[in-house]
Amino acid sequence: MELDRSWRQGYVIPDILVVCDKKQITKEGVSGPVPLVVEIVSLSNSAHDLSIKRRLYMSKGVSEYWMVEGRRFIRCVLDESGEDKLELLGSRIESVVFPGLVVDLSEVELIDEAEFV
């Protein structure tokens, strides 16, 4: 996954990006595939996160992509054949890539996006 200048110039920047090899981080951005990307889905632009960013991340070799939409998770993972599999989940998610990594949104206080508009 190349997170270089072209990304910073207005294409996409992940909300959370997990990089396990610090050699991937350069002055230009992040180079090579990363294991996990998380996006907080924007109410005003959900199609961008659910479709465009999903296709882009999967095409760049991201192993697991979480989308947080309100109090539920949507997960997309690459299967053995390289196809992406979309799963609609509840408020709890466990990583496929990082066994034991669990996030439960019922334990997180959410702030209404409208409060910031």
C-alpha atoms as a PDB file:
ATOM      1  CA  MET A   1       0.000   0.000   0.000  1.00  0.00           C
ATOM      2  CA  GLU A   2       1.578   3.234  -1.070  1.00  0.00           C
ATOM      3  CA  LEU A   3       0.577   6.112   1.158  1.00  0.00           C
ATOM      4  CA  ASP A   4       2.694   8.674  -0.600  1.00  0.00           C
ATOM      5  CA  ARG A   5       2.297  12.319  -1.576  1.00  0.00           C
ATOM      6  CA  SER A   6      -0.586  11.562  -3.953  1.00  0.00           C
ATOM      7  CA  TRP A   7      -2.639  10.340  -0.971  1.00  0.00           C
ATOM      8  CA  ARG A   8      -1.897  13.479   1.030  1.00  0.00           C
ATOM      9  CA  GLN A   9      -2.903  15.625  -1.931  1.00  0.00           C
ATOM     10  CA  GLY A  10      -6.530  14.736  -1.494  1.00  0.00           C
ATOM     11  CA  TYR A  11      -7.106  11.092  -2.278  1.00  0.00           C
ATOM     12  CA  VAL A  12      -7.481   9.052   0.940  1.00  0.00           C
ATOM     13  CA  ILE A  13      -5.918   9.042   4.382  1.00  0.00           C
ATOM     14  CA  PRO A  14      -6.967   6.252   6.764  1.00  0.00           C
ATOM     15  CA  ASP A  15      -8.326   7.170  10.202  1.00  0.00           C
ATOM     16  CA  ILE A  16      -6.241   4.382  11.775  1.00  0.00           C
ATOM     17  CA  LEU A  17      -3.440   2.513  10.043  1.00  0.00           C
ATOM     18  CA  VAL A  18      -1.481  -0.379  11.594  1.00  0.00           C
ATOM     19  CA  VAL A  19       2.114  -0.678  10.397  1.00  0.00           C
ATOM     20  CA  CYS A  20       4.140  -3.563  11.838  1.00  0.00           C
ATOM     21  CA  ASP A  21       7.427  -2.902  10.035  1.00  0.00           C
ATOM     22  CA  LYS A  22       8.853   0.526  10.800  1.00  0.00           C
ATOM     23  CA  LYS A  23      10.945   0.279   7.607  1.00  0.00           C
ATOM     24  CA  GLN A  24       7.682   0.892   5.708  1.00  0.00           C
ATOM     25  CA  ILE A  25       7.443   4.389   7.174  1.00  0.00           C
ATOM     26  CA  THR A  26       9.355   6.976   5.172  1.00  0.00           C
ATOM     27  CA  LYS A  27       9.339  10.748   4.778  1.00  0.00           C
ATOM     28  CA  GLU A  28       7.042  10.193   1.803  1.00  0.00           C
ATOM     29  CA  GLY A  29       4.482   8.119   3.724  1.00  0.00           C
ATOM     30  CA  VAL A  30       3.931   4.369   4.152  1.00  0.00           C
ATOM     31  CA  SER A  31       5.149   1.930   1.524  1.00  0.00           C
ATOM     32  CA  GLY A  32       3.863  -1.596   1.000  1.00  0.00           C
ATOM     33  CA  PRO A  33       0.807  -3.491   2.239  1.00  0.00           C
ATOM     34  CA  VAL A  34      -0.351  -3.019   5.820  1.00  0.00           C
ATOM     35  CA  PRO A  35      -2.284  -5.565   7.890  1.00  0.00           C
ATOM     36  CA  LEU A  36      -5.128  -3.395   9.216  1.00  0.00           C
ATOM     37  CA  VAL A  37      -6.875  -0.151   8.299  1.00  0.00           C
ATOM     38  CA  VAL A  38      -9.792   1.326  10.267  1.00  0.00           C
ATOM     39  CA  GLU A  39     -12.152   4.022   9.010  1.00  0.00           C
ATOM     40  CA  ILE A  40     -14.791   5.830  11.028  1.00  0.00           C
ATOM     41  CA  VAL A  41     -17.597   6.090   8.472  1.00  0.00           C
ATOM     42  CA  SER A  42     -18.691   9.649   7.905  1.00  0.00           C
ATOM     43  CA  LEU A  43     -22.449  10.153   7.844  1.00  0.00           C
ATOM     44  CA  SER A  44     -22.065  12.679   5.057  1.00  0.00           C
ATOM     45  CA  ASN A  45     -19.787  10.529   2.887  1.00  0.00           C
ATOM     46  CA  SER A  46     -20.407   6.886   3.794  1.00  0.00           C
ATOM     47  CA  ALA A  47     -20.346   5.678   0.182  1.00  0.00           C
ATOM     48  CA  HIS A  48     -16.718   6.817  -0.100  1.00  0.00           C
ATOM     49  CA  ASP A  49     -15.629   4.675   2.885  1.00  0.00           C
ATOM     50  CA  LEU A  50     -17.837   1.687   2.045  1.00  0.00           C
ATOM     51  CA  SER A  51     -17.038   1.506  -1.655  1.00  0.00           C
ATOM     52  CA  ILE A  52     -14.154   3.592  -2.994  1.00  0.00           C
ATOM     53  CA  LYS A  53     -11.801   3.289  -0.024  1.00  0.00           C
ATOM     54  CA  ARG A  54     -12.670  -0.393   0.414  1.00  0.00           C
ATOM     55  CA  ARG A  55     -11.749  -1.222  -3.183  1.00  0.00           C
ATOM     56  CA  LEU A  56      -8.579   0.850  -2.972  1.00  0.00           C
ATOM     57  CA  TYR A  57      -7.368  -0.692   0.292  1.00  0.00           C
ATOM     58  CA  MET A  58      -8.069  -4.228  -0.899  1.00  0.00           C
ATOM     59  CA  SER A  59      -6.289  -3.573  -4.216  1.00  0.00           C
ATOM     60  CA  LYS A  60      -3.238  -2.360  -2.252  1.00  0.00           C
ATOM     61  CA  GLY A  61      -3.067  -5.591  -0.254  1.00  0.00           C
ATOM     62  CA  VAL A  62      -4.598  -4.501   3.055  1.00  0.00           C
ATOM     63  CA  SER A  63      -5.366  -7.756   4.854  1.00  0.00           C
ATOM     64  CA  GLU A  64      -8.227  -6.461   6.995  1.00  0.00           C
ATOM     65  CA  TYR A  65     -10.339  -3.292   6.724  1.00  0.00           C
ATOM     66  CA  TRP A  66     -12.705  -2.248   9.510  1.00  0.00           C
ATOM     67  CA  MET A  67     -15.407   0.330   9.015  1.00  0.00           C
ATOM     68  CA  VAL A  68     -17.060   1.735  12.118  1.00  0.00           C
ATOM     69  CA  GLU A  69     -20.577   2.941  11.385  1.00  0.00           C
ATOM     70  CA  GLY A  70     -22.240   4.260  14.508  1.00  0.00           C
ATOM     71  CA  ARG A  71     -22.261   1.343  16.934  1.00  0.00           C
ATOM     72  CA  ARG A  72     -21.582  -1.429  14.460  1.00  0.00           C
ATOM     73  CA  PHE A  73     -18.622  -2.778  12.561  1.00  0.00           C
ATOM     74  CA  ILE A  74     -18.320  -3.736   8.934  1.00  0.00           C
ATOM     75  CA  ARG A  75     -15.272  -5.871   8.173  1.00  0.00           C
ATOM     76  CA  CYS A  76     -13.666  -6.640   4.866  1.00  0.00           C
ATOM     77  CA  VAL A  77     -10.927  -9.262   4.665  1.00  0.00           C
ATOM     78  CA  LEU A  78      -8.957 -10.727   1.796  1.00  0.00           C
ATOM     79  CA  ASP A  79      -9.459 -14.472   1.422  1.00  0.00           C
ATOM     80  CA  GLU A  80      -6.869 -16.973   0.171  1.00  0.00           C
ATOM     81  CA  SER A  81      -7.765 -16.285  -3.463  1.00  0.00           C
ATOM     82  CA  GLY A  82      -7.321 -12.521  -3.056  1.00  0.00           C
ATOM     83  CA  GLU A  83     -11.055 -11.798  -3.128  1.00  0.00           C
ATOM     84  CA  ASP A  84     -12.490  -9.454  -0.518  1.00  0.00           C
ATOM     85  CA  LYS A  85     -15.196 -10.738   1.801  1.00  0.00           C
ATOM     86  CA  LEU A  86     -17.548  -8.228   3.424  1.00  0.00           C
ATOM     87  CA  GLU A  87     -19.099  -8.994   6.827  1.00  0.00           C
ATOM     88  CA  LEU A  88     -21.731  -6.963   8.663  1.00  0.00           C
ATOM     89  CA  LEU A  89     -21.079  -7.278  12.378  1.00  0.00           C
ATOM     90  CA  GLY A  90     -22.544  -5.930  15.582  1.00  0.00           C
ATOM     91  CA  SER A  91     -20.818  -3.781  18.162  1.00  0.00           C
ATOM     92  CA  ARG A  92     -18.001  -6.282  18.792  1.00  0.00           C
ATOM     93  CA  ILE A  93     -15.186  -7.223  16.435  1.00  0.00           C
ATOM     94  CA  GLU A  94     -12.212  -9.548  16.729  1.00  0.00           C
ATOM     95  CA  SER A  95      -9.355  -9.148  14.291  1.00  0.00           C
ATOM     96  CA  VAL A  96      -8.654 -11.911  11.810  1.00  0.00           C
ATOM     97  CA  VAL A  97      -5.079 -10.695  11.359  1.00  0.00           C
ATOM     98  CA  PHE A  98      -4.339 -10.062  15.050  1.00  0.00           C
ATOM     99  CA  PRO A  99      -5.977 -12.865  17.088  1.00  0.00           C
ATOM    100  CA  GLY A 100      -6.946 -11.582  20.518  1.00  0.00           C
ATOM    101  CA  LEU A 101      -7.436  -7.993  19.349  1.00  0.00           C
ATOM    102  CA  VAL A 102     -11.052  -7.288  20.269  1.00  0.00           C
ATOM    103  CA  VAL A 103     -12.940  -3.996  20.227  1.00  0.00           C
ATOM    104  CA  ASP A 104     -16.414  -3.698  21.728  1.00  0.00           C
ATOM    105  CA  LEU A 105     -18.207  -0.462  20.863  1.00  0.00           C
ATOM    106  CA  SER A 106     -20.684  -0.989  23.685  1.00  0.00           C
ATOM    107  CA  GLU A 107     -17.769  -0.106  25.983  1.00  0.00           C
ATOM    108  CA  VAL A 108     -16.897   3.080  24.064  1.00  0.00           C
ATOM    109  CA  GLU A 109     -18.571   6.439  24.558  1.00  0.00           C
ATOM    110  CA  LEU A 110     -19.569   7.833  21.183  1.00  0.00           C
ATOM    111  CA  ILE A 111     -19.987  11.525  20.462  1.00  0.00           C
ATOM    112  CA  ASP A 112     -22.666  12.656  18.025  1.00  0.00           C
ATOM    113  CA  GLU A 113     -21.031  13.971  14.843  1.00  0.00           C
ATOM    114  CA  ALA A 114     -23.714  16.669  14.651  1.00  0.00           C
ATOM    115  CA  GLU A 115     -22.201  18.322  17.749  1.00  0.00           C
ATOM    116  CA  PHE A 116     -19.168  19.306  15.657  1.00  0.00           C
ATOM    117  CA  VAL A 117     -21.013  20.773  12.680  1.00  0.00           C
END
